[in-house]
Amino acid sequence: MPSLVTPVIPAGRLARTAQPELPVDADLRLRPWESGDAAAVVAAYADPDIEYWHARRVRDEAEALGLIGHWRDIWVEESGAAWAISSAGDGGVLGRIALREMSLHEGRAEVAYWTVPAARGRRVARRALDAMVGWAFDEIGFHRLRLLHSTSNEASCRVATVSGFEAEGVERSSVLHGDGWHDMHLHARVNARIP
């Protein structure tokens, strides 16, 4: 059935190019995941907070390589985009930031992120989020980005709010975590440049 509206972002817009590295500031950059990051992914998912909030465990480097492969594949499939948040100096992994549940036709995606314990308290997630949103809105032309977090995750709420993601409400009993169903706080940003 033909659509009556023009796609916000044409199909192929991402897949035609290599996933870019995005500068954040003098200290940080967002870069595509590499197979050499497998040990860092295992270490990150061993952190109790990342495991708890993301409901995932990565037991070894083989599983990490599978996850990294998935993060690369979603770019080509145009269903998402995932970057390692890394130190501009040594390239070490400080976190992950991603667009998921991406619809180019509708110009929307959901934001996801985590940071390793050593990166917390340094505004790493916020700075990375601001850089990714700038790219998504200004270079690619997304219309709307949404961000969900458990209502119990106050740190994620602070990142969302400070980065201009307005609170839109609560999705009751929305996501299953290890300790049961969590209400999720919904935030969003709309690209003011796209009518």
Protein backbone atom coordinates (compact mmCIF):
# COMPACT_ATOMS: atom_id res chain seq x y z
CA MET A 1 0.00 0.00 0.00
CA PRO A 2 1.58 3.34 -0.98
CA SER A 3 2.31 5.92 1.70
CA LEU A 4 0.66 9.31 1.36
CA VAL A 5 3.60 11.11 2.99
CA THR A 6 7.17 11.50 1.87
CA PRO A 7 9.73 9.76 4.11
CA VAL A 8 11.32 12.16 6.57
CA ILE A 9 14.70 10.52 5.86
CA PRO A 10 15.09 8.60 2.59
CA ALA A 11 15.89 4.89 2.84
CA GLY A 12 19.58 4.27 2.25
CA ARG A 13 20.64 7.57 3.85
CA LEU A 14 22.70 5.76 6.49
CA ALA A 15 23.59 2.51 4.75
CA ARG A 16 25.17 4.28 1.78
CA THR A 17 27.94 5.61 4.00
CA ALA A 18 30.22 4.26 6.70
CA GLN A 19 29.08 5.00 10.23
CA PRO A 20 30.81 8.25 11.18
CA GLU A 21 32.94 9.10 14.15
CA LEU A 22 31.37 12.05 15.97
CA PRO A 23 33.50 14.54 17.87
CA VAL A 24 32.07 15.49 21.26
CA ASP A 25 34.67 17.87 22.69
CA ALA A 26 38.39 17.94 23.44
CA ASP A 27 38.07 14.90 25.73
CA LEU A 28 35.44 12.66 24.12
CA ARG A 29 34.42 11.18 20.80
CA LEU A 30 31.77 8.78 19.61
CA ARG A 31 33.17 6.05 17.40
CA PRO A 32 31.80 2.88 15.82
CA TRP A 33 32.36 -0.24 17.89
CA GLU A 34 35.40 -2.37 17.04
CA SER A 35 36.14 -6.03 17.72
CA GLY A 36 39.00 -4.87 19.96
CA ASP A 37 36.37 -3.46 22.34
CA ALA A 38 35.14 -6.92 23.38
CA ALA A 39 36.95 -6.99 26.74
CA ALA A 40 35.64 -3.51 27.56
CA VAL A 41 32.07 -4.62 26.78
CA VAL A 42 32.43 -7.65 29.08
CA ALA A 43 33.77 -5.40 31.86
CA ALA A 44 30.98 -2.85 31.36
CA TYR A 45 28.19 -5.42 31.59
CA ALA A 46 29.79 -6.85 34.73
CA ASP A 47 28.92 -3.56 36.43
CA PRO A 48 25.84 -4.16 38.60
CA ASP A 49 24.18 -0.88 37.54
CA ILE A 50 24.55 -1.52 33.79
CA GLU A 51 23.38 -5.11 34.23
CA TYR A 52 20.39 -3.98 36.33
CA TRP A 53 19.16 -1.06 34.20
CA HIS A 54 19.77 -2.78 30.86
CA ALA A 55 18.71 -6.29 31.93
CA ARG A 56 21.58 -7.90 30.07
CA ARG A 57 24.65 -9.89 31.00
CA VAL A 58 27.64 -10.43 28.71
CA ARG A 59 29.56 -13.43 30.04
CA ASP A 60 32.61 -13.53 27.80
CA GLU A 61 34.35 -12.00 24.81
CA ALA A 62 32.55 -14.29 22.36
CA GLU A 63 29.20 -12.88 23.52
CA ALA A 64 30.65 -9.37 23.42
CA LEU A 65 31.80 -9.89 19.83
CA GLY A 66 28.28 -11.02 18.93
CA LEU A 67 26.85 -7.88 20.50
CA ILE A 68 29.40 -5.67 18.74
CA GLY A 69 28.52 -7.39 15.46
CA HIS A 70 24.85 -6.62 16.11
CA TRP A 71 25.68 -2.96 16.83
CA ARG A 72 27.50 -2.79 13.48
CA ASP A 73 24.69 -4.58 11.61
CA ILE A 74 21.94 -2.21 12.74
CA TRP A 75 23.70 0.64 10.91
CA VAL A 76 23.63 -1.28 7.62
CA GLU A 77 20.02 -2.37 8.25
CA GLU A 78 19.10 1.22 9.14
CA SER A 79 17.31 0.03 12.24
CA GLY A 80 19.67 1.75 14.68
CA ALA A 81 23.07 3.28 15.31
CA ALA A 82 25.39 2.52 18.24
CA TRP A 83 28.64 4.20 19.20
CA ALA A 84 31.31 3.64 21.80
CA ILE A 85 31.75 6.75 23.93
CA SER A 86 35.52 6.92 24.07
CA SER A 87 38.33 9.00 25.40
CA ALA A 88 39.75 11.24 22.69
CA GLY A 89 43.22 10.48 24.05
CA ASP A 90 43.56 6.71 24.32
CA GLY A 91 40.31 5.58 22.70
CA GLY A 92 39.26 3.68 25.83
CA VAL A 93 35.57 2.83 26.19
CA LEU A 94 33.72 5.08 28.65
CA GLY A 95 30.21 4.10 27.61
CA ARG A 96 27.71 3.39 24.87
CA ILE A 97 25.17 5.64 23.20
CA ALA A 98 22.69 4.54 20.58
CA LEU A 99 19.62 5.23 18.53
CA ARG A 100 17.31 2.20 18.55
CA GLU A 101 13.90 1.36 17.19
CA MET A 102 14.76 3.71 14.35
CA SER A 103 12.24 4.59 11.66
CA LEU A 104 13.75 6.68 8.88
CA HIS A 105 10.38 6.93 7.16
CA GLU A 106 8.87 8.59 10.23
CA GLY A 107 12.08 10.35 11.28
CA ARG A 108 12.08 8.98 14.81
CA ALA A 109 14.23 6.86 17.09
CA GLU A 110 14.74 6.01 20.75
CA VAL A 111 17.89 6.99 22.64
CA ALA A 112 19.79 4.54 24.87
CA TYR A 113 23.03 4.98 26.80
CA TRP A 114 25.20 3.74 29.63
CA THR A 115 28.55 4.76 31.11
CA VAL A 116 31.17 2.72 32.93
CA PRO A 117 31.63 3.48 36.65
CA ALA A 118 34.90 5.40 36.11
CA ALA A 119 33.12 7.80 33.73
CA ARG A 120 30.23 8.68 36.04
CA GLY A 121 30.03 12.11 37.61
CA ARG A 122 31.93 13.70 34.70
CA ARG A 123 28.91 14.55 32.50
CA VAL A 124 30.08 11.93 29.96
CA ALA A 125 26.56 10.70 29.13
CA ARG A 126 25.20 14.23 28.78
CA ARG A 127 28.03 15.41 26.54
CA ALA A 128 27.75 12.30 24.35
CA LEU A 129 23.97 12.68 24.14
CA ASP A 130 24.24 16.31 23.08
CA ALA A 131 26.70 15.38 20.30
CA MET A 132 24.56 12.51 19.03
CA VAL A 133 21.38 14.60 19.05
CA GLY A 134 23.16 17.35 17.11
CA TRP A 135 24.18 14.82 14.46
CA ALA A 136 20.73 13.18 14.34
CA PHE A 137 18.86 16.47 13.98
CA ASP A 138 21.28 18.64 11.99
CA GLU A 139 23.02 16.15 9.70
CA ILE A 140 20.49 13.36 9.24
CA GLY A 141 17.19 15.17 9.75
CA PHE A 142 15.42 13.16 12.45
CA HIS A 143 12.19 14.79 13.61
CA ARG A 144 11.70 13.21 17.05
CA LEU A 145 13.94 11.39 19.53
CA ARG A 146 12.45 9.72 22.58
CA LEU A 147 14.20 8.58 25.72
CA LEU A 148 12.79 6.08 28.22
CA HIS A 149 14.19 5.24 31.64
CA SER A 150 12.87 3.56 34.74
CA THR A 151 11.22 6.03 37.08
CA SER A 152 13.66 4.66 39.68
CA ASN A 153 16.71 5.70 37.61
CA GLU A 154 17.26 9.27 38.81
CA ALA A 155 20.67 9.63 37.15
CA SER A 156 19.22 8.87 33.73
CA CYS A 157 16.41 11.33 34.37
CA ARG A 158 18.94 14.08 35.13
CA VAL A 159 20.83 13.38 31.88
CA ALA A 160 17.60 13.51 29.87
CA THR A 161 16.34 16.70 31.46
CA VAL A 162 19.63 18.61 31.27
CA SER A 163 19.96 17.61 27.60
CA GLY A 164 16.60 19.18 26.77
CA PHE A 165 14.47 16.02 26.62
CA GLU A 166 11.12 17.21 27.95
CA ALA A 167 9.16 14.93 30.24
CA GLU A 168 6.02 13.67 28.50
CA GLY A 169 4.63 11.19 31.02
CA VAL A 170 4.93 7.73 32.48
CA GLU A 171 4.43 4.41 30.72
CA ARG A 172 3.02 2.27 33.51
CA SER A 173 4.40 -1.25 34.01
CA SER A 174 6.26 -0.92 30.71
CA VAL A 175 9.61 -2.75 30.92
CA LEU A 176 10.49 -5.99 32.67
CA HIS A 177 13.65 -5.84 34.78
CA GLY A 178 15.13 -8.58 36.94
CA ASP A 179 13.06 -7.40 39.91
CA GLY A 180 9.77 -7.07 38.03
CA TRP A 181 7.91 -4.56 35.87
CA HIS A 182 9.08 -0.95 35.97
CA ASP A 183 7.17 2.21 35.16
CA MET A 184 9.13 4.12 32.53
CA HIS A 185 9.51 7.88 32.38
CA LEU A 186 9.13 9.14 28.79
CA HIS A 187 11.13 12.16 27.60
CA ALA A 188 11.43 13.49 24.05
CA ARG A 189 13.05 16.15 21.90
CA VAL A 190 11.54 17.37 18.68
CA ASN A 191 13.67 18.91 15.95
CA ALA A 192 12.55 22.54 15.80
CA ARG A 193 14.01 22.88 12.27
CA ILE A 194 11.57 20.36 10.79
CA PRO A 195 7.97 21.61 10.57
